Amino acid sequence: MRSEKTALSNLKPQTSNLKPLTSNLSRAPSSEHDRSRRDRGTLAGCAGPGAGAALSGAHARARGGVRRTLSSTGFDTLGARIALGASNGTIRVVEIDHAATQSVKRHALAPYGLPKGGFSFVELDLTTRSLTEALSDTRDFDARAPAVFVAEGLLMYLTPGQVAAFFRELHDLAAPGSRIVFTFMESDRPDRIRFKNLSWWYAPLLDLWLRRLGEPMRWAIDRADLGQWLDPTGWTLLDIADRDTFRTRYLVPAGLATRPLADGEYVGEATMEV
């Protein structure tokens, strides 16, 4: 990891239009929402400000004037907010996820004129085809140009082997100068993966709920080991943002320093250097 504190130190979350977009998602057809949660082997994510904030900085720092974002963020409105805020197609966004998840998002985003030129959905079930094959469905991805990839709320649900294969495939897909922003878990016990500061009664209920959904957490890694783990996949770790990072950056300036934050899921940023 680089010693200088530049990679994730001056990031700002993209929050414009967040409230109405998420409100539309909450009104999406419940049967489609439930089905999307049950599907296996998919690129699926969860909402949160961390990856969105890191994405802003990654765009600014990626070499070659990167203007393409490929995201797997589930029901987060990150990609839509980027597309709505971009002018004259300066940033192209590709959202990659399971068809059931995208059906819900299409329903919610239609009033905003999405998808549109420069914003596209790509359906992918990892049990049936590869990410490389899926990206051949859109003109918004150019493998010759640097891009920023976002994997939010995804990697912890894959096996260690699948996570390594995911990073290697992205390396083979991406142009030099590309970045990846991703969330990952760090467990406090070797025999289980969960958030570190959950109440004693809530933690087993969450574990049971995830198992019933068919989405138990399968991969975690210590922050201190992440850089070395990434090296063989072709990516170089730049920085990690943890609970204290977000408290200092967002809660303290808002006068919310004492608000509780979950601990155990962090945001990493890595690059494939030129």
C-alpha atoms as a PDB file:
ATOM      1  CA  MET A   1       0.000   0.000   0.000  1.00  0.00           C
ATOM      2  CA  ARG A   2       1.207   3.497  -0.690  1.00  0.00           C
ATOM      3  CA  SER A   3       2.455   5.375   2.328  1.00  0.00           C
ATOM      4  CA  GLU A   4       1.044   8.757   1.355  1.00  0.00           C
ATOM      5  CA  LYS A   5      -2.569   9.413   2.353  1.00  0.00           C
ATOM      6  CA  THR A   6      -3.950  10.400  -1.026  1.00  0.00           C
ATOM      7  CA  ALA A   7      -6.084   7.548  -2.276  1.00  0.00           C
ATOM      8  CA  LEU A   8      -9.156   7.846  -0.063  1.00  0.00           C
ATOM      9  CA  SER A   9      -8.365  11.006   1.857  1.00  0.00           C
ATOM     10  CA  ASN A  10     -10.393  13.679   0.052  1.00  0.00           C
ATOM     11  CA  LEU A  11     -13.520  11.919  -1.120  1.00  0.00           C
ATOM     12  CA  LYS A  12     -17.027  13.298  -1.284  1.00  0.00           C
ATOM     13  CA  PRO A  13     -20.140  11.106  -1.533  1.00  0.00           C
ATOM     14  CA  GLN A  14     -22.507  11.606  -4.446  1.00  0.00           C
ATOM     15  CA  THR A  15     -25.870  12.132  -2.787  1.00  0.00           C
ATOM     16  CA  SER A  16     -27.909  14.178  -5.265  1.00  0.00           C
ATOM     17  CA  ASN A  17     -31.289  12.637  -6.071  1.00  0.00           C
ATOM     18  CA  LEU A  18     -30.643   9.858  -3.537  1.00  0.00           C
ATOM     19  CA  LYS A  19     -33.878  10.250  -1.571  1.00  0.00           C
ATOM     20  CA  PRO A  20     -36.371  10.123  -4.474  1.00  0.00           C
ATOM     21  CA  LEU A  21     -34.510   7.314  -6.194  1.00  0.00           C
ATOM     22  CA  THR A  22     -34.401   5.124  -3.109  1.00  0.00           C
ATOM     23  CA  SER A  23     -38.042   5.944  -2.439  1.00  0.00           C
ATOM     24  CA  ASN A  24     -38.913   4.529  -5.853  1.00  0.00           C
ATOM     25  CA  LEU A  25     -36.944   1.381  -5.070  1.00  0.00           C
ATOM     26  CA  SER A  26     -38.928   0.885  -1.877  1.00  0.00           C
ATOM     27  CA  ARG A  27     -42.134   0.896  -3.941  1.00  0.00           C
ATOM     28  CA  ALA A  28     -40.858  -1.632  -6.475  1.00  0.00           C
ATOM     29  CA  PRO A  29     -42.801  -4.906  -6.863  1.00  0.00           C
ATOM     30  CA  SER A  30     -42.082  -7.012  -3.788  1.00  0.00           C
ATOM     31  CA  SER A  31     -42.143 -10.353  -5.613  1.00  0.00           C
ATOM     32  CA  GLU A  32     -39.316  -9.266  -7.898  1.00  0.00           C
ATOM     33  CA  HIS A  33     -37.384  -7.878  -4.923  1.00  0.00           C
ATOM     34  CA  ASP A  34     -37.718 -11.150  -3.028  1.00  0.00           C
ATOM     35  CA  ARG A  35     -36.751 -13.245  -6.046  1.00  0.00           C
ATOM     36  CA  SER A  36     -33.640 -11.195  -6.668  1.00  0.00           C
ATOM     37  CA  ARG A  37     -32.480 -11.845  -3.109  1.00  0.00           C
ATOM     38  CA  ARG A  38     -32.878 -15.603  -3.497  1.00  0.00           C
ATOM     39  CA  ASP A  39     -30.917 -16.055  -6.718  1.00  0.00           C
ATOM     40  CA  ARG A  40     -27.487 -17.657  -6.420  1.00  0.00           C
ATOM     41  CA  GLY A  41     -24.195 -16.838  -8.075  1.00  0.00           C
ATOM     42  CA  THR A  42     -25.112 -13.270  -8.926  1.00  0.00           C
ATOM     43  CA  LEU A  43     -23.432  -9.922  -8.799  1.00  0.00           C
ATOM     44  CA  ALA A  44     -25.456  -8.309  -6.053  1.00  0.00           C
ATOM     45  CA  GLY A  45     -24.767  -5.426  -3.710  1.00  0.00           C
ATOM     46  CA  CYS A  46     -26.000  -3.394  -0.791  1.00  0.00           C
ATOM     47  CA  ALA A  47     -26.515   0.301  -0.261  1.00  0.00           C
ATOM     48  CA  GLY A  48     -23.966   2.463   1.504  1.00  0.00           C
ATOM     49  CA  PRO A  49     -22.068   5.740   1.139  1.00  0.00           C
ATOM     50  CA  GLY A  50     -18.571   4.306   1.307  1.00  0.00           C
ATOM     51  CA  ALA A  51     -18.157   2.954  -2.211  1.00  0.00           C
ATOM     52  CA  GLY A  52     -19.856   6.003  -3.694  1.00  0.00           C
ATOM     53  CA  ALA A  53     -17.437   8.318  -1.953  1.00  0.00           C
ATOM     54  CA  ALA A  54     -14.432   6.242  -2.958  1.00  0.00           C
ATOM     55  CA  LEU A  55     -15.672   6.154  -6.537  1.00  0.00           C
ATOM     56  CA  SER A  56     -15.549   9.949  -6.726  1.00  0.00           C
ATOM     57  CA  GLY A  57     -11.899   9.941  -5.770  1.00  0.00           C
ATOM     58  CA  ALA A  58     -11.049   6.969  -7.982  1.00  0.00           C
ATOM     59  CA  HIS A  59     -12.446   8.765 -11.010  1.00  0.00           C
ATOM     60  CA  ALA A  60     -10.348  11.799 -10.211  1.00  0.00           C
ATOM     61  CA  ARG A  61      -7.136   9.817  -9.808  1.00  0.00           C
ATOM     62  CA  ALA A  62      -7.394   7.097 -12.442  1.00  0.00           C
ATOM     63  CA  ARG A  63      -4.984   7.609 -15.284  1.00  0.00           C
ATOM     64  CA  GLY A  64      -5.957   8.218 -18.884  1.00  0.00           C
ATOM     65  CA  GLY A  65      -9.000  10.411 -18.202  1.00  0.00           C
ATOM     66  CA  VAL A  66     -11.227   7.502 -17.203  1.00  0.00           C
ATOM     67  CA  ARG A  67     -14.879   8.118 -17.949  1.00  0.00           C
ATOM     68  CA  ARG A  68     -16.366   4.646 -17.586  1.00  0.00           C
ATOM     69  CA  THR A  69     -17.817   3.100 -14.451  1.00  0.00           C
ATOM     70  CA  LEU A  70     -18.819  -0.539 -14.140  1.00  0.00           C
ATOM     71  CA  SER A  71     -20.706  -1.231 -10.948  1.00  0.00           C
ATOM     72  CA  SER A  72     -22.262  -4.076  -9.038  1.00  0.00           C
ATOM     73  CA  THR A  73     -24.137  -2.306  -6.258  1.00  0.00           C
ATOM     74  CA  GLY A  74     -27.471  -4.120  -6.012  1.00  0.00           C
ATOM     75  CA  PHE A  75     -30.218  -1.687  -4.995  1.00  0.00           C
ATOM     76  CA  ASP A  76     -27.846   1.183  -4.322  1.00  0.00           C
ATOM     77  CA  THR A  77     -28.573   4.152  -6.617  1.00  0.00           C
ATOM     78  CA  LEU A  78     -24.895   4.939  -7.157  1.00  0.00           C
ATOM     79  CA  GLY A  79     -24.801   4.296 -10.901  1.00  0.00           C
ATOM     80  CA  ALA A  80     -28.028   6.190 -11.524  1.00  0.00           C
ATOM     81  CA  ARG A  81     -26.805   9.226  -9.583  1.00  0.00           C
ATOM     82  CA  ILE A  82     -23.581   9.271 -11.564  1.00  0.00           C
ATOM     83  CA  ALA A  83     -25.496   9.052 -14.851  1.00  0.00           C
ATOM     84  CA  LEU A  84     -27.951  11.790 -13.857  1.00  0.00           C
ATOM     85  CA  GLY A  85     -25.134  14.062 -12.730  1.00  0.00           C
ATOM     86  CA  ALA A  86     -22.935  13.549 -15.810  1.00  0.00           C
ATOM     87  CA  SER A  87     -23.176  16.075 -18.630  1.00  0.00           C
ATOM     88  CA  ASN A  88     -22.931  15.289 -22.331  1.00  0.00           C
ATOM     89  CA  GLY A  89     -22.097  11.664 -21.682  1.00  0.00           C
ATOM     90  CA  THR A  90     -18.805  12.492 -19.976  1.00  0.00           C
ATOM     91  CA  ILE A  91     -19.115   9.364 -17.820  1.00  0.00           C
ATOM     92  CA  ARG A  92     -20.516   6.099 -19.108  1.00  0.00           C
ATOM     93  CA  VAL A  93     -22.057   3.788 -16.529  1.00  0.00           C
ATOM     94  CA  VAL A  94     -22.668   0.064 -16.836  1.00  0.00           C
ATOM     95  CA  GLU A  95     -24.634  -1.639 -14.057  1.00  0.00           C
ATOM     96  CA  ILE A  96     -24.024  -5.377 -13.863  1.00  0.00           C
ATOM     97  CA  ASP A  97     -26.382  -7.573 -11.869  1.00  0.00           C
ATOM     98  CA  HIS A  98     -28.885 -10.395 -11.921  1.00  0.00           C
ATOM     99  CA  ALA A  99     -31.966  -9.957 -14.108  1.00  0.00           C
ATOM    100  CA  ALA A 100     -34.330 -10.024 -11.119  1.00  0.00           C
ATOM    101  CA  THR A 101     -32.475  -7.223  -9.342  1.00  0.00           C
ATOM    102  CA  GLN A 102     -32.334  -5.155 -12.492  1.00  0.00           C
ATOM    103  CA  SER A 103     -36.048  -5.599 -13.099  1.00  0.00           C
ATOM    104  CA  VAL A 104     -36.698  -3.772  -9.823  1.00  0.00           C
ATOM    105  CA  LYS A 105     -34.236  -1.017 -10.667  1.00  0.00           C
ATOM    106  CA  ARG A 106     -35.659  -0.524 -14.165  1.00  0.00           C
ATOM    107  CA  HIS A 107     -39.096  -0.034 -12.618  1.00  0.00           C
ATOM    108  CA  ALA A 108     -37.745   2.530 -10.143  1.00  0.00           C
ATOM    109  CA  LEU A 109     -35.514   4.439 -12.565  1.00  0.00           C
ATOM    110  CA  ALA A 110     -37.922   4.696 -15.507  1.00  0.00           C
ATOM    111  CA  PRO A 111     -39.405   8.030 -14.261  1.00  0.00           C
ATOM    112  CA  TYR A 112     -35.868   9.483 -14.468  1.00  0.00           C
ATOM    113  CA  GLY A 113     -35.403   8.483 -18.080  1.00  0.00           C
ATOM    114  CA  LEU A 114     -32.985   5.657 -17.265  1.00  0.00           C
ATOM    115  CA  PRO A 115     -31.517   3.677 -18.838  1.00  0.00           C
ATOM    116  CA  LYS A 116     -30.373   6.120 -21.496  1.00  0.00           C
ATOM    117  CA  GLY A 117     -27.380   6.716 -23.714  1.00  0.00           C
ATOM    118  CA  GLY A 118     -24.285   6.332 -21.569  1.00  0.00           C
ATOM    119  CA  PHE A 119     -26.114   4.308 -18.892  1.00  0.00           C
ATOM    120  CA  SER A 120     -26.826   0.657 -19.512  1.00  0.00           C
ATOM    121  CA  PHE A 121     -27.863  -2.473 -17.649  1.00  0.00           C
ATOM    122  CA  VAL A 122     -26.040  -5.741 -18.232  1.00  0.00           C
ATOM    123  CA  GLU A 123     -27.611  -8.918 -16.872  1.00  0.00           C
ATOM    124  CA  LEU A 124     -25.292 -11.506 -15.388  1.00  0.00           C
ATOM    125  CA  ASP A 125     -25.702 -14.763 -13.503  1.00  0.00           C
ATOM    126  CA  LEU A 126     -22.227 -16.010 -12.650  1.00  0.00           C
ATOM    127  CA  THR A 127     -23.452 -19.611 -12.750  1.00  0.00           C
ATOM    128  CA  THR A 128     -24.169 -19.384 -16.482  1.00  0.00           C
ATOM    129  CA  ARG A 129     -21.598 -17.038 -18.051  1.00  0.00           C
ATOM    130  CA  SER A 130     -18.578 -14.912 -17.320  1.00  0.00           C
ATOM    131  CA  LEU A 131     -18.265 -11.191 -16.747  1.00  0.00           C
ATOM    132  CA  THR A 132     -16.284 -10.932 -19.982  1.00  0.00           C
ATOM    133  CA  GLU A 133     -19.142 -12.497 -21.946  1.00  0.00           C
ATOM    134  CA  ALA A 134     -21.733 -10.263 -20.268  1.00  0.00           C
ATOM    135  CA  LEU A 135     -19.888  -7.061 -21.106  1.00  0.00           C
ATOM    136  CA  SER A 136     -20.035  -7.924 -24.796  1.00  0.00           C
ATOM    137  CA  ASP A 137     -23.750  -6.984 -24.556  1.00  0.00           C
ATOM    138  CA  THR A 138     -23.068  -3.252 -24.171  1.00  0.00           C
ATOM    139  CA  ARG A 139     -21.309  -0.566 -26.185  1.00  0.00           C
ATOM    140  CA  ASP A 140     -20.670   1.467 -23.044  1.00  0.00           C
ATOM    141  CA  PHE A 141     -17.662  -0.659 -22.105  1.00  0.00           C
ATOM    142  CA  ASP A 142     -14.440  -0.282 -24.057  1.00  0.00           C
ATOM    143  CA  ALA A 143     -11.713  -2.635 -22.873  1.00  0.00           C
ATOM    144  CA  ARG A 144      -9.095  -0.323 -24.419  1.00  0.00           C
ATOM    145  CA  ALA A 145      -9.943   2.595 -22.093  1.00  0.00           C
ATOM    146  CA  PRO A 146      -9.396   2.851 -18.310  1.00  0.00           C
ATOM    147  CA  ALA A 147     -12.464   2.254 -16.191  1.00  0.00           C
ATOM    148  CA  VAL A 148     -13.461   2.300 -12.532  1.00  0.00           C
ATOM    149  CA  PHE A 149     -15.039  -0.922 -11.298  1.00  0.00           C
ATOM    150  CA  VAL A 150     -17.247  -0.995  -8.194  1.00  0.00           C
ATOM    151  CA  ALA A 151     -18.018  -4.198  -6.291  1.00  0.00           C
ATOM    152  CA  GLU A 152     -20.200  -3.150  -3.365  1.00  0.00           C
ATOM    153  CA  GLY A 153     -21.593  -5.738  -0.958  1.00  0.00           C
ATOM    154  CA  LEU A 154     -20.521  -8.581  -3.246  1.00  0.00           C
ATOM    155  CA  LEU A 155     -17.201 -10.181  -2.375  1.00  0.00           C
ATOM    156  CA  MET A 156     -18.068 -11.394   1.128  1.00  0.00           C
ATOM    157  CA  TYR A 157     -20.726 -13.693  -0.364  1.00  0.00           C
ATOM    158  CA  LEU A 158     -18.242 -15.456  -2.664  1.00  0.00           C
ATOM    159  CA  THR A 159     -15.774 -18.186  -1.773  1.00  0.00           C
ATOM    160  CA  PRO A 160     -12.081 -17.235  -1.495  1.00  0.00           C
ATOM    161  CA  GLY A 161     -11.421 -18.934  -4.836  1.00  0.00           C
ATOM    162  CA  GLN A 162     -14.260 -17.035  -6.517  1.00  0.00           C
ATOM    163  CA  VAL A 163     -13.002 -13.721  -5.153  1.00  0.00           C
ATOM    164  CA  ALA A 164      -9.509 -14.349  -6.493  1.00  0.00           C
ATOM    165  CA  ALA A 165     -10.949 -15.390  -9.868  1.00  0.00           C
ATOM    166  CA  PHE A 166     -13.072 -12.215  -9.907  1.00  0.00           C
ATOM    167  CA  PHE A 167     -10.030  -9.962  -9.469  1.00  0.00           C
ATOM    168  CA  ARG A 168      -8.020 -11.912 -12.050  1.00  0.00           C
ATOM    169  CA  GLU A 169     -10.808 -11.667 -14.623  1.00  0.00           C
ATOM    170  CA  LEU A 170     -11.140  -7.934 -14.014  1.00  0.00           C
ATOM    171  CA  HIS A 171      -7.386  -7.603 -14.501  1.00  0.00           C
ATOM    172  CA  ASP A 172      -7.626  -9.395 -17.835  1.00  0.00           C
ATOM    173  CA  LEU A 173     -10.574  -7.186 -18.850  1.00  0.00           C
ATOM    174  CA  ALA A 174      -9.311  -3.819 -17.689  1.00  0.00           C
ATOM    175  CA  ALA A 175      -7.052  -1.354 -19.433  1.00  0.00           C
ATOM    176  CA  PRO A 176      -3.936  -0.104 -17.636  1.00  0.00           C
ATOM    177  CA  GLY A 177      -4.781   2.786 -15.315  1.00  0.00           C
ATOM    178  CA  SER A 178      -8.112   1.272 -14.246  1.00  0.00           C
ATOM    179  CA  ARG A 179      -9.250   1.262 -10.618  1.00  0.00           C
ATOM    180  CA  ILE A 180     -11.464  -0.979  -8.525  1.00  0.00           C
ATOM    181  CA  VAL A 181     -13.390   0.130  -5.435  1.00  0.00           C
ATOM    182  CA  PHE A 182     -14.744  -2.729  -3.340  1.00  0.00           C
ATOM    183  CA  THR A 183     -16.148  -3.570   0.065  1.00  0.00           C
ATOM    184  CA  PHE A 184     -14.831  -6.490   2.087  1.00  0.00           C
ATOM    185  CA  MET A 185     -15.279  -8.028   5.519  1.00  0.00           C
ATOM    186  CA  GLU A 186     -12.706  -8.404   8.292  1.00  0.00           C
ATOM    187  CA  SER A 187     -13.765 -10.958  10.888  1.00  0.00           C
ATOM    188  CA  ASP A 188     -12.762 -10.982  14.542  1.00  0.00           C
ATOM    189  CA  ARG A 189     -12.945 -14.798  14.711  1.00  0.00           C
ATOM    190  CA  PRO A 190     -11.562 -17.441  12.328  1.00  0.00           C
ATOM    191  CA  ASP A 191     -14.689 -19.618  12.584  1.00  0.00           C
ATOM    192  CA  ARG A 192     -17.252 -17.038  11.475  1.00  0.00           C
ATOM    193  CA  ILE A 193     -17.693 -13.878   9.404  1.00  0.00           C
ATOM    194  CA  ARG A 194     -19.867 -11.088  10.758  1.00  0.00           C
ATOM    195  CA  PHE A 195     -19.769  -7.474  11.869  1.00  0.00           C
ATOM    196  CA  LYS A 196     -17.643  -7.012  14.967  1.00  0.00           C
ATOM    197  CA  ASN A 197     -19.836  -4.860  17.189  1.00  0.00           C
ATOM    198  CA  LEU A 198     -23.263  -6.467  16.877  1.00  0.00           C
ATOM    199  CA  SER A 199     -25.410  -7.010  19.953  1.00  0.00           C
ATOM    200  CA  TRP A 200     -25.140 -10.503  21.420  1.00  0.00           C
ATOM    201  CA  TRP A 201     -28.762 -11.249  20.557  1.00  0.00           C
ATOM    202  CA  TYR A 202     -28.744  -9.698  17.066  1.00  0.00           C
ATOM    203  CA  ALA A 203     -25.642 -11.394  15.645  1.00  0.00           C
ATOM    204  CA  PRO A 204     -27.040 -14.969  15.525  1.00  0.00           C
ATOM    205  CA  LEU A 205     -30.336 -13.694  14.111  1.00  0.00           C
ATOM    206  CA  LEU A 206     -28.476 -11.967  11.272  1.00  0.00           C
ATOM    207  CA  ASP A 207     -26.475 -15.135  10.595  1.00  0.00           C
ATOM    208  CA  LEU A 208     -29.702 -17.167  10.456  1.00  0.00           C
ATOM    209  CA  TRP A 209     -31.386 -14.654   8.156  1.00  0.00           C
ATOM    210  CA  LEU A 210     -28.474 -14.696   5.696  1.00  0.00           C
ATOM    211  CA  ARG A 211     -28.408 -18.485   5.674  1.00  0.00           C
ATOM    212  CA  ARG A 212     -32.151 -18.637   5.010  1.00  0.00           C
ATOM    213  CA  LEU A 213     -31.637 -16.266   2.077  1.00  0.00           C
ATOM    214  CA  GLY A 214     -28.900 -18.519   0.775  1.00  0.00           C
ATOM    215  CA  GLU A 215     -26.372 -15.706   1.259  1.00  0.00           C
ATOM    216  CA  PRO A 216     -24.014 -16.659   4.087  1.00  0.00           C
ATOM    217  CA  MET A 217     -20.787 -14.679   4.226  1.00  0.00           C
ATOM    218  CA  ARG A 218     -17.944 -16.795   2.856  1.00  0.00           C
ATOM    219  CA  TRP A 219     -14.898 -14.533   2.510  1.00  0.00           C
ATOM    220  CA  ALA A 220     -13.113 -12.197   4.872  1.00  0.00           C
ATOM    221  CA  ILE A 221      -9.568 -10.947   5.144  1.00  0.00           C
ATOM    222  CA  ASP A 222      -7.515  -8.898   7.594  1.00  0.00           C
ATOM    223  CA  ARG A 223      -6.797  -5.390   6.394  1.00  0.00           C
ATOM    224  CA  ALA A 224      -3.105  -5.930   7.029  1.00  0.00           C
ATOM    225  CA  ASP A 225      -3.058  -8.895   4.616  1.00  0.00           C
ATOM    226  CA  LEU A 226      -5.155  -7.432   1.778  1.00  0.00           C
ATOM    227  CA  GLY A 227      -2.320  -5.834  -0.195  1.00  0.00           C
ATOM    228  CA  GLN A 228      -0.246  -8.996  -0.305  1.00  0.00           C
ATOM    229  CA  TRP A 229      -3.332 -11.050  -1.160  1.00  0.00           C
ATOM    230  CA  LEU A 230      -4.141  -8.779  -4.122  1.00  0.00           C
ATOM    231  CA  ASP A 231      -0.655  -8.779  -5.636  1.00  0.00           C
ATOM    232  CA  PRO A 232      -0.931 -12.138  -7.484  1.00  0.00           C
ATOM    233  CA  THR A 233      -4.211 -11.027  -9.071  1.00  0.00           C
ATOM    234  CA  GLY A 234      -2.488  -8.088 -10.787  1.00  0.00           C
ATOM    235  CA  TRP A 235      -4.013  -5.332  -8.626  1.00  0.00           C
ATOM    236  CA  THR A 236      -2.118  -2.995  -6.301  1.00  0.00           C
ATOM    237  CA  LEU A 237      -3.827  -1.846  -3.117  1.00  0.00           C
ATOM    238  CA  LEU A 238      -3.918   1.927  -2.695  1.00  0.00           C
ATOM    239  CA  ASP A 239      -5.927   2.525   0.439  1.00  0.00           C
ATOM    240  CA  ILE A 240      -8.564   1.265   2.863  1.00  0.00           C
ATOM    241  CA  ALA A 241     -11.345   3.245   4.533  1.00  0.00           C
ATOM    242  CA  ASP A 242     -12.716   1.899   7.821  1.00  0.00           C
ATOM    243  CA  ARG A 243     -15.283   2.936  10.406  1.00  0.00           C
ATOM    244  CA  ASP A 244     -13.042   5.636  11.857  1.00  0.00           C
ATOM    245  CA  THR A 245     -12.422   7.054   8.377  1.00  0.00           C
ATOM    246  CA  PHE A 246     -16.116   7.593   7.742  1.00  0.00           C
ATOM    247  CA  ARG A 247     -16.818   8.884  11.231  1.00  0.00           C
ATOM    248  CA  THR A 248     -14.107  11.525  10.878  1.00  0.00           C
ATOM    249  CA  ARG A 249     -15.015  12.456   7.343  1.00  0.00           C
ATOM    250  CA  TYR A 250     -18.808  12.542   7.494  1.00  0.00           C
ATOM    251  CA  LEU A 251     -20.259  12.264  11.000  1.00  0.00           C
ATOM    252  CA  VAL A 252     -17.970  14.671  12.851  1.00  0.00           C
ATOM    253  CA  PRO A 253     -18.525  17.592  10.424  1.00  0.00           C
ATOM    254  CA  ALA A 254     -22.282  16.973  10.677  1.00  0.00           C
ATOM    255  CA  GLY A 255     -22.245  17.041  14.489  1.00  0.00           C
ATOM    256  CA  LEU A 256     -22.982  13.312  14.665  1.00  0.00           C
ATOM    257  CA  ALA A 257     -19.688  12.082  16.097  1.00  0.00           C
ATOM    258  CA  THR A 258     -21.319   9.873  18.737  1.00  0.00           C
ATOM    259  CA  ARG A 259     -23.614   8.003  16.351  1.00  0.00           C
ATOM    260  CA  PRO A 260     -22.878   4.256  16.255  1.00  0.00           C
ATOM    261  CA  LEU A 261     -21.361   2.740  13.133  1.00  0.00           C
ATOM    262  CA  ALA A 262     -21.058  -0.916  12.222  1.00  0.00           C
ATOM    263  CA  ASP A 263     -17.515  -2.238  12.262  1.00  0.00           C
ATOM    264  CA  GLY A 264     -16.119  -5.002  10.093  1.00  0.00           C
ATOM    265  CA  GLU A 265     -16.973  -4.027   6.509  1.00  0.00           C
ATOM    266  CA  TYR A 266     -14.439  -1.728   4.869  1.00  0.00           C
ATOM    267  CA  VAL A 267     -13.836  -0.067   1.505  1.00  0.00           C
ATOM    268  CA  GLY A 268     -10.701  -0.821  -0.471  1.00  0.00           C
ATOM    269  CA  GLU A 269      -9.297   0.846  -3.556  1.00  0.00           C
ATOM    270  CA  ALA A 270      -6.803  -0.805  -5.897  1.00  0.00           C
ATOM    271  CA  THR A 271      -5.257   0.024  -9.252  1.00  0.00           C
ATOM    272  CA  MET A 272      -3.896  -1.699 -12.279  1.00  0.00           C
ATOM    273  CA  GLU A 273      -0.970   0.574 -13.026  1.00  0.00           C
ATOM    274  CA  VAL A 274       0.095   1.639 -16.505  1.00  0.00           C
END
